[in-house]
């Protein structure tokens, strides 16, 4: 790779070169992690052998902590090795849309927005808001974020689906329990060499002023762009860039990614049909439930992974859910 980077024409195509460097750095990190884990495991086994010969309760406690730390690191390393699908290393677009239920559902969408924002902070991923429309009373009507970081799509792809909230609504004067829904969609940001053909005649393009009280979340611009792909009814919107042209380019990138993802999902559906598998895709088929009352529990309905500490999950501690889903589906 060093020789390639040193070649005179390596940076002639900057975007492609950056993608190669990103892939190389990811593989190098995996290699370094492997040798680091191997060395620490060897040290741990040596210390355990010594402990068996000469028991020391303080040393036992230290080795238990080291084992737990290694176990956590190994789980993460295992996931990174297993995430080998074509676009697992890609950046990811995150979209959140509240379901029926008015203010309660809009507030739930905003809670999910914060949850993913906190997760990205913990992972060291950038969280670039592309569209953020606040609701009038509380919460958000919709949002779209570009999450940048190695394996962002690979880790988060299982988050696509309906998320269900059960709680005592702060917007209900009678303090009744409410059930709310919000839909999350994760789409990979495609590399520059992916060729998705789109006929201009199939597009309905509108330009407008930026809408909503995005506040600190978006760059104010008078050049927001909305594109509808008529054959599939897919709609994309961007208002984060400073020019109409940039917003249109970002919309086209997202549209291509959505069309590509749709194609992959159709192929997967065909495979499941051949295998005789039936999977309902409907609003009531939530992938995860977050229960705040009468007890506290977050449960993923695909892997059956559970966490009783709801506050911890809402603060971005998602690794248990992400890993259990990926292990179930890889």
C-alpha atoms as a PDB file:
ATOM      1  CA  UNK A   1       0.000   0.000   0.000  1.00  0.00           C
ATOM      2  CA  UNK A   2       2.865   2.394   0.796  1.00  0.00           C
ATOM      3  CA  UNK A   3       4.250   1.819  -2.679  1.00  0.00           C
ATOM      4  CA  UNK A   4       0.826   2.511  -4.225  1.00  0.00           C
ATOM      5  CA  UNK A   5       0.459   5.749  -2.288  1.00  0.00           C
ATOM      6  CA  UNK A   6       3.901   6.840  -3.424  1.00  0.00           C
ATOM      7  CA  UNK A   7       3.062   6.336  -7.104  1.00  0.00           C
ATOM      8  CA  UNK A   8       2.631   9.517  -9.126  1.00  0.00           C
ATOM      9  CA  UNK A   9      -0.934   8.804 -10.247  1.00  0.00           C
ATOM     10  CA  UNK A  10      -2.364   7.478  -6.945  1.00  0.00           C
ATOM     11  CA  UNK A  11      -4.153  10.740  -6.087  1.00  0.00           C
ATOM     12  CA  UNK A  12      -5.388  11.444  -9.629  1.00  0.00           C
ATOM     13  CA  UNK A  13      -8.812  10.215  -8.484  1.00  0.00           C
ATOM     14  CA  UNK A  14      -8.976  11.617  -4.914  1.00  0.00           C
ATOM     15  CA  UNK A  15     -12.234   9.966  -3.836  1.00  0.00           C
ATOM     16  CA  UNK A  16     -11.170   6.512  -4.992  1.00  0.00           C
ATOM     17  CA  UNK A  17      -7.759   6.995  -3.375  1.00  0.00           C
ATOM     18  CA  UNK A  18      -9.352   7.980  -0.072  1.00  0.00           C
ATOM     19  CA  UNK A  19     -11.541   4.854  -0.167  1.00  0.00           C
ATOM     20  CA  UNK A  20      -8.462   2.667  -0.719  1.00  0.00           C
ATOM     21  CA  UNK A  21      -6.631   4.355   2.163  1.00  0.00           C
ATOM     22  CA  UNK A  22      -9.684   3.854   4.391  1.00  0.00           C
ATOM     23  CA  UNK A  23      -9.847   0.144   3.507  1.00  0.00           C
ATOM     24  CA  UNK A  24      -6.104  -0.267   4.090  1.00  0.00           C
ATOM     25  CA  UNK A  25      -6.259   1.473   7.500  1.00  0.00           C
ATOM     26  CA  UNK A  26      -9.180  -0.731   8.530  1.00  0.00           C
ATOM     27  CA  UNK A  27      -7.322  -3.945   7.633  1.00  0.00           C
ATOM     28  CA  UNK A  28      -4.166  -2.691   9.327  1.00  0.00           C
ATOM     29  CA  UNK A  29      -6.102  -1.929  12.499  1.00  0.00           C
ATOM     30  CA  UNK A  30      -7.617  -5.426  12.475  1.00  0.00           C
ATOM     31  CA  UNK A  31      -4.154  -6.921  12.106  1.00  0.00           C
ATOM     32  CA  UNK A  32      -2.799  -4.793  14.970  1.00  0.00           C
ATOM     33  CA  UNK A  33      -5.791  -5.687  17.171  1.00  0.00           C
ATOM     34  CA  UNK A  34      -5.244  -9.397  16.512  1.00  0.00           C
ATOM     35  CA  UNK A  35      -1.633  -9.299  17.718  1.00  0.00           C
ATOM     36  CA  UNK A  36      -2.557  -7.068  20.668  1.00  0.00           C
ATOM     37  CA  UNK A  37      -5.319  -9.460  21.794  1.00  0.00           C
ATOM     38  CA  UNK A  38      -3.081 -12.486  21.266  1.00  0.00           C
ATOM     39  CA  UNK A  39      -0.362 -10.941  23.428  1.00  0.00           C
ATOM     40  CA  UNK A  40      -2.758 -10.006  26.217  1.00  0.00           C
ATOM     41  CA  UNK A  41      -4.377 -13.464  26.159  1.00  0.00           C
ATOM     42  CA  UNK A  42      -0.971 -15.126  26.413  1.00  0.00           C
ATOM     43  CA  UNK A  43      -0.098 -12.913  29.399  1.00  0.00           C
ATOM     44  CA  UNK A  44      -3.450 -13.692  31.041  1.00  0.00           C
ATOM     45  CA  UNK A  45      -3.018 -17.454  30.660  1.00  0.00           C
ATOM     46  CA  UNK A  46       0.491 -17.189  32.119  1.00  0.00           C
ATOM     47  CA  UNK A  47      -0.808 -15.247  35.113  1.00  0.00           C
ATOM     48  CA  UNK A  48      -3.644 -17.746  35.640  1.00  0.00           C
ATOM     49  CA  UNK A  49      -1.121 -20.580  35.659  1.00  0.00           C
ATOM     50  CA  UNK A  50       0.934 -18.697  38.246  1.00  0.00           C
ATOM     51  CA  UNK A  51      -2.204 -18.026  40.323  1.00  0.00           C
ATOM     52  CA  UNK A  52      -2.982 -21.752  40.380  1.00  0.00           C
ATOM     53  CA  UNK A  53       0.467 -22.392  41.840  1.00  0.00           C
ATOM     54  CA  UNK A  54       0.429 -19.538  44.337  1.00  0.00           C
ATOM     55  CA  UNK A  55      -3.101 -18.265  45.033  1.00  0.00           C
ATOM     56  CA  UNK A  56      -3.529 -14.576  45.853  1.00  0.00           C
ATOM     57  CA  UNK A  57      -7.098 -13.160  46.225  1.00  0.00           C
ATOM     58  CA  UNK A  58      -6.003  -9.664  45.103  1.00  0.00           C
ATOM     59  CA  UNK A  59      -4.356 -11.085  41.987  1.00  0.00           C
ATOM     60  CA  UNK A  60      -7.485 -13.185  41.365  1.00  0.00           C
ATOM     61  CA  UNK A  61      -9.625 -10.033  41.363  1.00  0.00           C
ATOM     62  CA  UNK A  62      -7.266  -8.245  38.948  1.00  0.00           C
ATOM     63  CA  UNK A  63      -7.283 -11.216  36.568  1.00  0.00           C
ATOM     64  CA  UNK A  64     -11.094 -11.305  36.630  1.00  0.00           C
ATOM     65  CA  UNK A  65     -11.165  -7.643  35.524  1.00  0.00           C
ATOM     66  CA  UNK A  66      -8.594  -8.339  32.814  1.00  0.00           C
ATOM     67  CA  UNK A  67     -10.654 -11.278  31.567  1.00  0.00           C
ATOM     68  CA  UNK A  68     -13.822  -9.173  31.363  1.00  0.00           C
ATOM     69  CA  UNK A  69     -11.987  -6.445  29.458  1.00  0.00           C
ATOM     70  CA  UNK A  70     -10.490  -8.980  27.031  1.00  0.00           C
ATOM     71  CA  UNK A  71     -13.862 -10.652  26.538  1.00  0.00           C
ATOM     72  CA  UNK A  72     -15.426  -7.314  25.575  1.00  0.00           C
ATOM     73  CA  UNK A  73     -12.582  -6.491  23.185  1.00  0.00           C
ATOM     74  CA  UNK A  74     -12.722  -9.952  21.635  1.00  0.00           C
ATOM     75  CA  UNK A  75     -16.474  -9.624  20.973  1.00  0.00           C
ATOM     76  CA  UNK A  76     -15.852  -6.353  19.165  1.00  0.00           C
ATOM     77  CA  UNK A  77     -12.943  -7.866  17.214  1.00  0.00           C
ATOM     78  CA  UNK A  78     -15.108 -10.848  16.259  1.00  0.00           C
ATOM     79  CA  UNK A  79     -17.778  -8.529  14.874  1.00  0.00           C
ATOM     80  CA  UNK A  80     -15.263  -6.562  12.826  1.00  0.00           C
ATOM     81  CA  UNK A  81     -13.910  -9.775  11.297  1.00  0.00           C
ATOM     82  CA  UNK A  82     -17.404 -11.095  10.545  1.00  0.00           C
ATOM     83  CA  UNK A  83     -18.600  -7.824   8.994  1.00  0.00           C
ATOM     84  CA  UNK A  84     -17.325  -8.617   5.545  1.00  0.00           C
ATOM     85  CA  UNK A  85     -20.289  -7.705   3.336  1.00  0.00           C
ATOM     86  CA  UNK A  86     -19.543  -5.361   0.478  1.00  0.00           C
ATOM     87  CA  UNK A  87     -20.574  -2.092   2.148  1.00  0.00           C
ATOM     88  CA  UNK A  88     -20.174  -2.905   5.835  1.00  0.00           C
ATOM     89  CA  UNK A  89     -17.221  -0.502   6.034  1.00  0.00           C
ATOM     90  CA  UNK A  90     -19.227   2.337   4.456  1.00  0.00           C
ATOM     91  CA  UNK A  91     -20.561   5.451   6.125  1.00  0.00           C
ATOM     92  CA  UNK A  92     -24.280   5.324   6.874  1.00  0.00           C
ATOM     93  CA  UNK A  93     -27.314   7.537   6.402  1.00  0.00           C
ATOM     94  CA  UNK A  94     -29.690   7.469   9.383  1.00  0.00           C
ATOM     95  CA  UNK A  95     -33.318   8.559   8.966  1.00  0.00           C
ATOM     96  CA  UNK A  96     -35.939   8.723  11.720  1.00  0.00           C
ATOM     97  CA  UNK A  97     -39.658   9.288  11.153  1.00  0.00           C
ATOM     98  CA  UNK A  98     -42.331   9.326  13.893  1.00  0.00           C
ATOM     99  CA  UNK A  99     -45.352   7.103  13.470  1.00  0.00           C
ATOM    100  CA  UNK A 100     -48.977   7.906  14.202  1.00  0.00           C
ATOM    101  CA  UNK A 101     -49.564   9.430  17.598  1.00  0.00           C
ATOM    102  CA  UNK A 102     -48.792  13.116  17.186  1.00  0.00           C
ATOM    103  CA  UNK A 103     -46.686  14.772  19.877  1.00  0.00           C
ATOM    104  CA  UNK A 104     -45.880  11.550  21.732  1.00  0.00           C
ATOM    105  CA  UNK A 105     -44.463   9.870  18.598  1.00  0.00           C
ATOM    106  CA  UNK A 106     -42.563  13.019  17.601  1.00  0.00           C
ATOM    107  CA  UNK A 107     -40.960  13.166  21.043  1.00  0.00           C
ATOM    108  CA  UNK A 108     -40.026   9.478  20.735  1.00  0.00           C
ATOM    109  CA  UNK A 109     -38.345  10.191  17.367  1.00  0.00           C
ATOM    110  CA  UNK A 110     -36.263  12.907  19.018  1.00  0.00           C
ATOM    111  CA  UNK A 111     -35.305  10.538  21.851  1.00  0.00           C
ATOM    112  CA  UNK A 112     -34.043   8.044  19.262  1.00  0.00           C
ATOM    113  CA  UNK A 113     -32.128  10.839  17.525  1.00  0.00           C
ATOM    114  CA  UNK A 114     -30.314  11.588  20.787  1.00  0.00           C
ATOM    115  CA  UNK A 115     -29.690   7.876  21.441  1.00  0.00           C
ATOM    116  CA  UNK A 116     -27.906   7.418  18.116  1.00  0.00           C
ATOM    117  CA  UNK A 117     -26.038  10.692  18.564  1.00  0.00           C
ATOM    118  CA  UNK A 118     -24.704   9.480  21.929  1.00  0.00           C
ATOM    119  CA  UNK A 119     -23.794   6.102  20.405  1.00  0.00           C
ATOM    120  CA  UNK A 120     -21.777   7.832  17.672  1.00  0.00           C
ATOM    121  CA  UNK A 121     -19.978  10.004  20.228  1.00  0.00           C
ATOM    122  CA  UNK A 122     -18.930   6.876  22.122  1.00  0.00           C
ATOM    123  CA  UNK A 123     -17.763   5.202  18.892  1.00  0.00           C
ATOM    124  CA  UNK A 124     -15.847   8.226  17.677  1.00  0.00           C
ATOM    125  CA  UNK A 125     -18.113   8.535  14.609  1.00  0.00           C
ATOM    126  CA  UNK A 126     -19.015  11.925  13.153  1.00  0.00           C
ATOM    127  CA  UNK A 127     -22.727  12.780  13.205  1.00  0.00           C
ATOM    128  CA  UNK A 128     -23.454  15.226  10.378  1.00  0.00           C
ATOM    129  CA  UNK A 129     -27.105  16.331  10.293  1.00  0.00           C
ATOM    130  CA  UNK A 130     -28.400  16.639   6.727  1.00  0.00           C
ATOM    131  CA  UNK A 131     -32.038  17.405   7.524  1.00  0.00           C
ATOM    132  CA  UNK A 132     -33.771  18.114  10.818  1.00  0.00           C
ATOM    133  CA  UNK A 133     -37.370  19.304  11.004  1.00  0.00           C
ATOM    134  CA  UNK A 134     -38.604  20.142  14.478  1.00  0.00           C
ATOM    135  CA  UNK A 135     -42.265  19.677  15.340  1.00  0.00           C
ATOM    136  CA  UNK A 136     -44.213  22.717  16.518  1.00  0.00           C
ATOM    137  CA  UNK A 137     -45.087  21.423  19.982  1.00  0.00           C
ATOM    138  CA  UNK A 138     -42.327  18.893  20.818  1.00  0.00           C
ATOM    139  CA  UNK A 139     -40.001  16.406  19.153  1.00  0.00           C
ATOM    140  CA  UNK A 140     -39.208  16.145  15.454  1.00  0.00           C
ATOM    141  CA  UNK A 141     -41.160  15.459  12.272  1.00  0.00           C
ATOM    142  CA  UNK A 142     -38.178  13.883  10.514  1.00  0.00           C
ATOM    143  CA  UNK A 143     -34.411  13.891  10.377  1.00  0.00           C
ATOM    144  CA  UNK A 144     -31.554  12.554   8.276  1.00  0.00           C
ATOM    145  CA  UNK A 145     -27.949  12.216   9.442  1.00  0.00           C
ATOM    146  CA  UNK A 146     -24.767  11.098   7.697  1.00  0.00           C
ATOM    147  CA  UNK A 147     -22.745   8.980  10.135  1.00  0.00           C
ATOM    148  CA  UNK A 148     -19.083   8.779   9.160  1.00  0.00           C
ATOM    149  CA  UNK A 149     -16.711   6.166  10.533  1.00  0.00           C
ATOM    150  CA  UNK A 150     -15.293   2.740   9.755  1.00  0.00           C
ATOM    151  CA  UNK A 151     -17.984   0.023   9.883  1.00  0.00           C
ATOM    152  CA  UNK A 152     -20.720   2.602  10.565  1.00  0.00           C
ATOM    153  CA  UNK A 153     -23.119   0.861   8.171  1.00  0.00           C
ATOM    154  CA  UNK A 154     -22.021  -2.624   9.226  1.00  0.00           C
ATOM    155  CA  UNK A 155     -22.783  -1.997  12.883  1.00  0.00           C
ATOM    156  CA  UNK A 156     -25.966   0.020  12.402  1.00  0.00           C
ATOM    157  CA  UNK A 157     -27.656  -1.767   9.486  1.00  0.00           C
ATOM    158  CA  UNK A 158     -29.701  -3.911  11.872  1.00  0.00           C
ATOM    159  CA  UNK A 159     -31.299  -0.791  13.368  1.00  0.00           C
ATOM    160  CA  UNK A 160     -33.596  -0.381  10.353  1.00  0.00           C
ATOM    161  CA  UNK A 161     -37.193  -1.026  11.330  1.00  0.00           C
ATOM    162  CA  UNK A 162     -39.924   0.078  13.720  1.00  0.00           C
ATOM    163  CA  UNK A 163     -38.970   0.988  17.304  1.00  0.00           C
ATOM    164  CA  UNK A 164     -41.756   0.875  19.928  1.00  0.00           C
ATOM    165  CA  UNK A 165     -41.960   2.934  23.119  1.00  0.00           C
ATOM    166  CA  UNK A 166     -44.194   2.218  26.137  1.00  0.00           C
ATOM    167  CA  UNK A 167     -44.281   4.873  28.881  1.00  0.00           C
ATOM    168  CA  UNK A 168     -46.403   7.254  30.949  1.00  0.00           C
ATOM    169  CA  UNK A 169     -46.738  10.144  28.530  1.00  0.00           C
ATOM    170  CA  UNK A 170     -45.478  13.515  29.822  1.00  0.00           C
ATOM    171  CA  UNK A 171     -47.987  15.082  27.407  1.00  0.00           C
ATOM    172  CA  UNK A 172     -51.017  13.366  28.944  1.00  0.00           C
ATOM    173  CA  UNK A 173     -52.586  15.371  31.800  1.00  0.00           C
ATOM    174  CA  UNK A 174     -54.153  12.141  33.099  1.00  0.00           C
ATOM    175  CA  UNK A 175     -50.742  10.375  33.242  1.00  0.00           C
ATOM    176  CA  UNK A 176     -51.889   7.430  31.164  1.00  0.00           C
ATOM    177  CA  UNK A 177     -49.590   4.885  29.601  1.00  0.00           C
ATOM    178  CA  UNK A 178     -49.024   5.378  25.858  1.00  0.00           C
ATOM    179  CA  UNK A 179     -47.480   3.247  23.107  1.00  0.00           C
ATOM    180  CA  UNK A 180     -45.608   5.127  20.372  1.00  0.00           C
ATOM    181  CA  UNK A 181     -43.756   4.091  17.232  1.00  0.00           C
ATOM    182  CA  UNK A 182     -40.947   5.542  15.114  1.00  0.00           C
ATOM    183  CA  UNK A 183     -39.349   4.151  11.983  1.00  0.00           C
ATOM    184  CA  UNK A 184     -35.562   4.057  11.582  1.00  0.00           C
ATOM    185  CA  UNK A 185     -33.869   3.536   8.235  1.00  0.00           C
ATOM    186  CA  UNK A 186     -30.144   2.912   7.723  1.00  0.00           C
ATOM    187  CA  UNK A 187     -28.686   3.223   4.212  1.00  0.00           C
ATOM    188  CA  UNK A 188     -25.020   2.851   3.170  1.00  0.00           C
ATOM    189  CA  UNK A 189     -23.204   5.748   1.557  1.00  0.00           C
ATOM    190  CA  UNK A 190     -22.067   4.215  -1.717  1.00  0.00           C
ATOM    191  CA  UNK A 191     -18.466   4.596  -2.948  1.00  0.00           C
ATOM    192  CA  UNK A 192     -17.813   6.621  -6.085  1.00  0.00           C
ATOM    193  CA  UNK A 193     -17.288   3.591  -8.347  1.00  0.00           C
ATOM    194  CA  UNK A 194     -20.824   2.198  -7.871  1.00  0.00           C
ATOM    195  CA  UNK A 195     -22.789   2.830 -11.056  1.00  0.00           C
ATOM    196  CA  UNK A 196     -26.529   3.268 -10.485  1.00  0.00           C
ATOM    197  CA  UNK A 197     -28.327   4.462 -13.609  1.00  0.00           C
ATOM    198  CA  UNK A 198     -31.162   6.947 -13.047  1.00  0.00           C
ATOM    199  CA  UNK A 199     -33.231   8.367 -15.893  1.00  0.00           C
ATOM    200  CA  UNK A 200     -33.793  12.123 -15.465  1.00  0.00           C
ATOM    201  CA  UNK A 201     -37.342  11.623 -16.778  1.00  0.00           C
ATOM    202  CA  UNK A 202     -38.082   9.546 -13.661  1.00  0.00           C
ATOM    203  CA  UNK A 203     -37.251  12.426 -11.316  1.00  0.00           C
ATOM    204  CA  UNK A 204     -39.463  15.129  -9.867  1.00  0.00           C
ATOM    205  CA  UNK A 205     -37.157  17.861  -8.493  1.00  0.00           C
ATOM    206  CA  UNK A 206     -38.319  20.722  -6.258  1.00  0.00           C
ATOM    207  CA  UNK A 207     -36.265  23.504  -4.697  1.00  0.00           C
ATOM    208  CA  UNK A 208     -37.338  25.527  -1.663  1.00  0.00           C
ATOM    209  CA  UNK A 209     -36.221  27.455   1.379  1.00  0.00           C
ATOM    210  CA  UNK A 210     -35.031  25.439   4.357  1.00  0.00           C
ATOM    211  CA  UNK A 211     -37.985  24.452   6.506  1.00  0.00           C
ATOM    212  CA  UNK A 212     -38.444  23.913  10.223  1.00  0.00           C
ATOM    213  CA  UNK A 213     -36.625  25.301  13.233  1.00  0.00           C
ATOM    214  CA  UNK A 214     -33.458  23.304  12.731  1.00  0.00           C
ATOM    215  CA  UNK A 215     -31.527  25.663  14.964  1.00  0.00           C
ATOM    216  CA  UNK A 216     -28.045  24.407  15.692  1.00  0.00           C
ATOM    217  CA  UNK A 217     -28.622  21.189  13.770  1.00  0.00           C
ATOM    218  CA  UNK A 218     -28.456  22.499  10.198  1.00  0.00           C
ATOM    219  CA  UNK A 219     -26.774  25.155   8.100  1.00  0.00           C
ATOM    220  CA  UNK A 220     -29.359  27.757   7.111  1.00  0.00           C
ATOM    221  CA  UNK A 221     -29.733  27.890   3.334  1.00  0.00           C
ATOM    222  CA  UNK A 222     -32.209  29.108   0.742  1.00  0.00           C
ATOM    223  CA  UNK A 223     -31.440  26.192  -1.559  1.00  0.00           C
ATOM    224  CA  UNK A 224     -33.056  23.069  -0.130  1.00  0.00           C
ATOM    225  CA  UNK A 225     -33.710  20.318  -2.682  1.00  0.00           C
ATOM    226  CA  UNK A 226     -36.355  17.573  -2.710  1.00  0.00           C
ATOM    227  CA  UNK A 227     -36.206  14.755  -5.282  1.00  0.00           C
ATOM    228  CA  UNK A 228     -38.873  12.138  -5.885  1.00  0.00           C
ATOM    229  CA  UNK A 229     -38.080   8.998  -7.880  1.00  0.00           C
ATOM    230  CA  UNK A 230     -41.428   8.428  -9.575  1.00  0.00           C
ATOM    231  CA  UNK A 231     -41.181   4.657 -10.363  1.00  0.00           C
ATOM    232  CA  UNK A 232     -40.393   3.705  -6.741  1.00  0.00           C
ATOM    233  CA  UNK A 233     -41.968   6.696  -4.943  1.00  0.00           C
ATOM    234  CA  UNK A 234     -38.694   7.164  -3.014  1.00  0.00           C
ATOM    235  CA  UNK A 235     -38.300  10.757  -1.795  1.00  0.00           C
ATOM    236  CA  UNK A 236     -35.021  12.332  -0.657  1.00  0.00           C
ATOM    237  CA  UNK A 237     -34.444  15.793   0.755  1.00  0.00           C
ATOM    238  CA  UNK A 238     -31.358  17.824   1.660  1.00  0.00           C
ATOM    239  CA  UNK A 239     -30.937  21.326   3.060  1.00  0.00           C
ATOM    240  CA  UNK A 240     -27.588  21.066   4.866  1.00  0.00           C
ATOM    241  CA  UNK A 241     -25.284  22.296   2.081  1.00  0.00           C
ATOM    242  CA  UNK A 242     -24.793  25.944   1.185  1.00  0.00           C
ATOM    243  CA  UNK A 243     -25.764  25.793  -2.465  1.00  0.00           C
ATOM    244  CA  UNK A 244     -28.592  24.299  -4.471  1.00  0.00           C
ATOM    245  CA  UNK A 245     -26.106  22.328  -6.578  1.00  0.00           C
ATOM    246  CA  UNK A 246     -24.467  20.759  -3.511  1.00  0.00           C
ATOM    247  CA  UNK A 247     -27.840  19.842  -2.028  1.00  0.00           C
ATOM    248  CA  UNK A 248     -28.900  18.285  -5.320  1.00  0.00           C
ATOM    249  CA  UNK A 249     -25.684  16.248  -5.499  1.00  0.00           C
ATOM    250  CA  UNK A 250     -26.207  15.031  -1.928  1.00  0.00           C
ATOM    251  CA  UNK A 251     -29.823  14.102  -2.771  1.00  0.00           C
ATOM    252  CA  UNK A 252     -28.687  12.124  -5.812  1.00  0.00           C
ATOM    253  CA  UNK A 253     -26.095  10.260  -3.729  1.00  0.00           C
ATOM    254  CA  UNK A 254     -28.756   9.297  -1.203  1.00  0.00           C
ATOM    255  CA  UNK A 255     -31.257   8.336  -3.910  1.00  0.00           C
ATOM    256  CA  UNK A 256     -28.708   6.029  -5.553  1.00  0.00           C
ATOM    257  CA  UNK A 257     -27.946   4.455  -2.170  1.00  0.00           C
ATOM    258  CA  UNK A 258     -31.652   3.888  -1.473  1.00  0.00           C
ATOM    259  CA  UNK A 259     -32.220   2.360  -4.916  1.00  0.00           C
ATOM    260  CA  UNK A 260     -29.237   0.070  -4.447  1.00  0.00           C
ATOM    261  CA  UNK A 261     -30.406  -0.967  -0.979  1.00  0.00           C
ATOM    262  CA  UNK A 262     -33.897  -1.619  -2.366  1.00  0.00           C
ATOM    263  CA  UNK A 263     -32.378  -3.902  -5.003  1.00  0.00           C
ATOM    264  CA  UNK A 264     -30.480  -5.859  -2.330  1.00  0.00           C
ATOM    265  CA  UNK A 265     -33.629  -6.179  -0.196  1.00  0.00           C
ATOM    266  CA  UNK A 266     -35.570  -7.525  -3.186  1.00  0.00           C
ATOM    267  CA  UNK A 267     -32.837 -10.116  -3.773  1.00  0.00           C
ATOM    268  CA  UNK A 268     -32.969 -11.130  -0.097  1.00  0.00           C
ATOM    269  CA  UNK A 269     -36.772 -11.399  -0.280  1.00  0.00           C
ATOM    270  CA  UNK A 270     -36.449 -13.720  -3.288  1.00  0.00           C
ATOM    271  CA  UNK A 271     -33.974 -15.903  -1.374  1.00  0.00           C
ATOM    272  CA  UNK A 272     -36.327 -16.112   1.610  1.00  0.00           C
ATOM    273  CA  UNK A 273     -39.222 -17.004  -0.678  1.00  0.00           C
ATOM    274  CA  UNK A 274     -37.180 -19.830  -2.208  1.00  0.00           C
ATOM    275  CA  UNK A 275     -36.373 -21.079   1.301  1.00  0.00           C
ATOM    276  CA  UNK A 276     -40.023 -20.851   2.293  1.00  0.00           C
ATOM    277  CA  UNK A 277     -39.380 -18.153   4.910  1.00  0.00           C
ATOM    278  CA  UNK A 278     -42.162 -15.686   5.635  1.00  0.00           C
ATOM    279  CA  UNK A 279     -41.284 -12.341   7.204  1.00  0.00           C
ATOM    280  CA  UNK A 280     -43.948  -9.710   7.651  1.00  0.00           C
ATOM    281  CA  UNK A 281     -42.959  -6.128   6.908  1.00  0.00           C
ATOM    282  CA  UNK A 282     -45.637  -3.985   8.522  1.00  0.00           C
ATOM    283  CA  UNK A 283     -45.987  -1.133  10.980  1.00  0.00           C
ATOM    284  CA  UNK A 284     -46.891  -3.394  13.870  1.00  0.00           C
ATOM    285  CA  UNK A 285     -43.860  -5.655  13.381  1.00  0.00           C
ATOM    286  CA  UNK A 286     -41.477  -3.716  15.594  1.00  0.00           C
ATOM    287  CA  UNK A 287     -37.867  -4.857  15.828  1.00  0.00           C
ATOM    288  CA  UNK A 288     -37.372  -3.535  19.366  1.00  0.00           C
ATOM    289  CA  UNK A 289     -39.485  -2.433  22.319  1.00  0.00           C
ATOM    290  CA  UNK A 290     -38.429   0.138  24.935  1.00  0.00           C
ATOM    291  CA  UNK A 291     -40.589  -0.194  28.053  1.00  0.00           C
ATOM    292  CA  UNK A 292     -40.388   2.571  30.675  1.00  0.00           C
ATOM    293  CA  UNK A 293     -43.528   1.579  32.607  1.00  0.00           C
ATOM    294  CA  UNK A 294     -44.807  -0.524  34.432  1.00  0.00           C
ATOM    295  CA  UNK A 295     -41.277  -2.019  34.442  1.00  0.00           C
ATOM    296  CA  UNK A 296     -38.076  -1.083  32.621  1.00  0.00           C
ATOM    297  CA  UNK A 297     -36.854  -3.262  29.773  1.00  0.00           C
ATOM    298  CA  UNK A 298     -35.480  -2.914  26.265  1.00  0.00           C
ATOM    299  CA  UNK A 299     -35.937  -6.058  24.170  1.00  0.00           C
ATOM    300  CA  UNK A 300     -34.893  -6.859  20.610  1.00  0.00           C
ATOM    301  CA  UNK A 301     -37.557  -9.113  19.120  1.00  0.00           C
ATOM    302  CA  UNK A 302     -35.211 -10.688  16.544  1.00  0.00           C
ATOM    303  CA  UNK A 303     -32.318 -11.809  18.745  1.00  0.00           C
ATOM    304  CA  UNK A 304     -34.271 -11.769  22.064  1.00  0.00           C
ATOM    305  CA  UNK A 305     -31.452  -9.744  23.637  1.00  0.00           C
ATOM    306  CA  UNK A 306     -32.669  -7.772  26.678  1.00  0.00           C
ATOM    307  CA  UNK A 307     -31.387  -4.919  28.835  1.00  0.00           C
ATOM    308  CA  UNK A 308     -33.176  -3.808  32.002  1.00  0.00           C
ATOM    309  CA  UNK A 309     -31.384  -0.463  32.293  1.00  0.00           C
ATOM    310  CA  UNK A 310     -33.384   1.711  29.886  1.00  0.00           C
ATOM    311  CA  UNK A 311     -31.443   4.893  30.725  1.00  0.00           C
ATOM    312  CA  UNK A 312     -28.203   3.182  29.761  1.00  0.00           C
ATOM    313  CA  UNK A 313     -29.609   2.218  26.345  1.00  0.00           C
ATOM    314  CA  UNK A 314     -31.060   5.669  25.693  1.00  0.00           C
ATOM    315  CA  UNK A 315     -27.626   7.095  26.504  1.00  0.00           C
ATOM    316  CA  UNK A 316     -26.172   5.241  23.524  1.00  0.00           C
ATOM    317  CA  UNK A 317     -25.055   1.928  25.040  1.00  0.00           C
ATOM    318  CA  UNK A 318     -26.157  -0.187  22.051  1.00  0.00           C
ATOM    319  CA  UNK A 319     -23.310  -2.682  21.612  1.00  0.00           C
ATOM    320  CA  UNK A 320     -25.202  -5.583  23.194  1.00  0.00           C
ATOM    321  CA  UNK A 321     -28.124  -5.140  20.790  1.00  0.00           C
ATOM    322  CA  UNK A 322     -25.929  -4.568  17.739  1.00  0.00           C
ATOM    323  CA  UNK A 323     -23.674  -7.555  18.433  1.00  0.00           C
ATOM    324  CA  UNK A 324     -26.496  -9.961  19.264  1.00  0.00           C
ATOM    325  CA  UNK A 325     -28.388  -9.032  16.085  1.00  0.00           C
ATOM    326  CA  UNK A 326     -25.292  -9.360  13.912  1.00  0.00           C
ATOM    327  CA  UNK A 327     -24.342 -12.727  15.417  1.00  0.00           C
ATOM    328  CA  UNK A 328     -27.872 -13.947  14.754  1.00  0.00           C
ATOM    329  CA  UNK A 329     -27.877 -12.801  11.135  1.00  0.00           C
ATOM    330  CA  UNK A 330     -24.308 -13.347   9.901  1.00  0.00           C
END
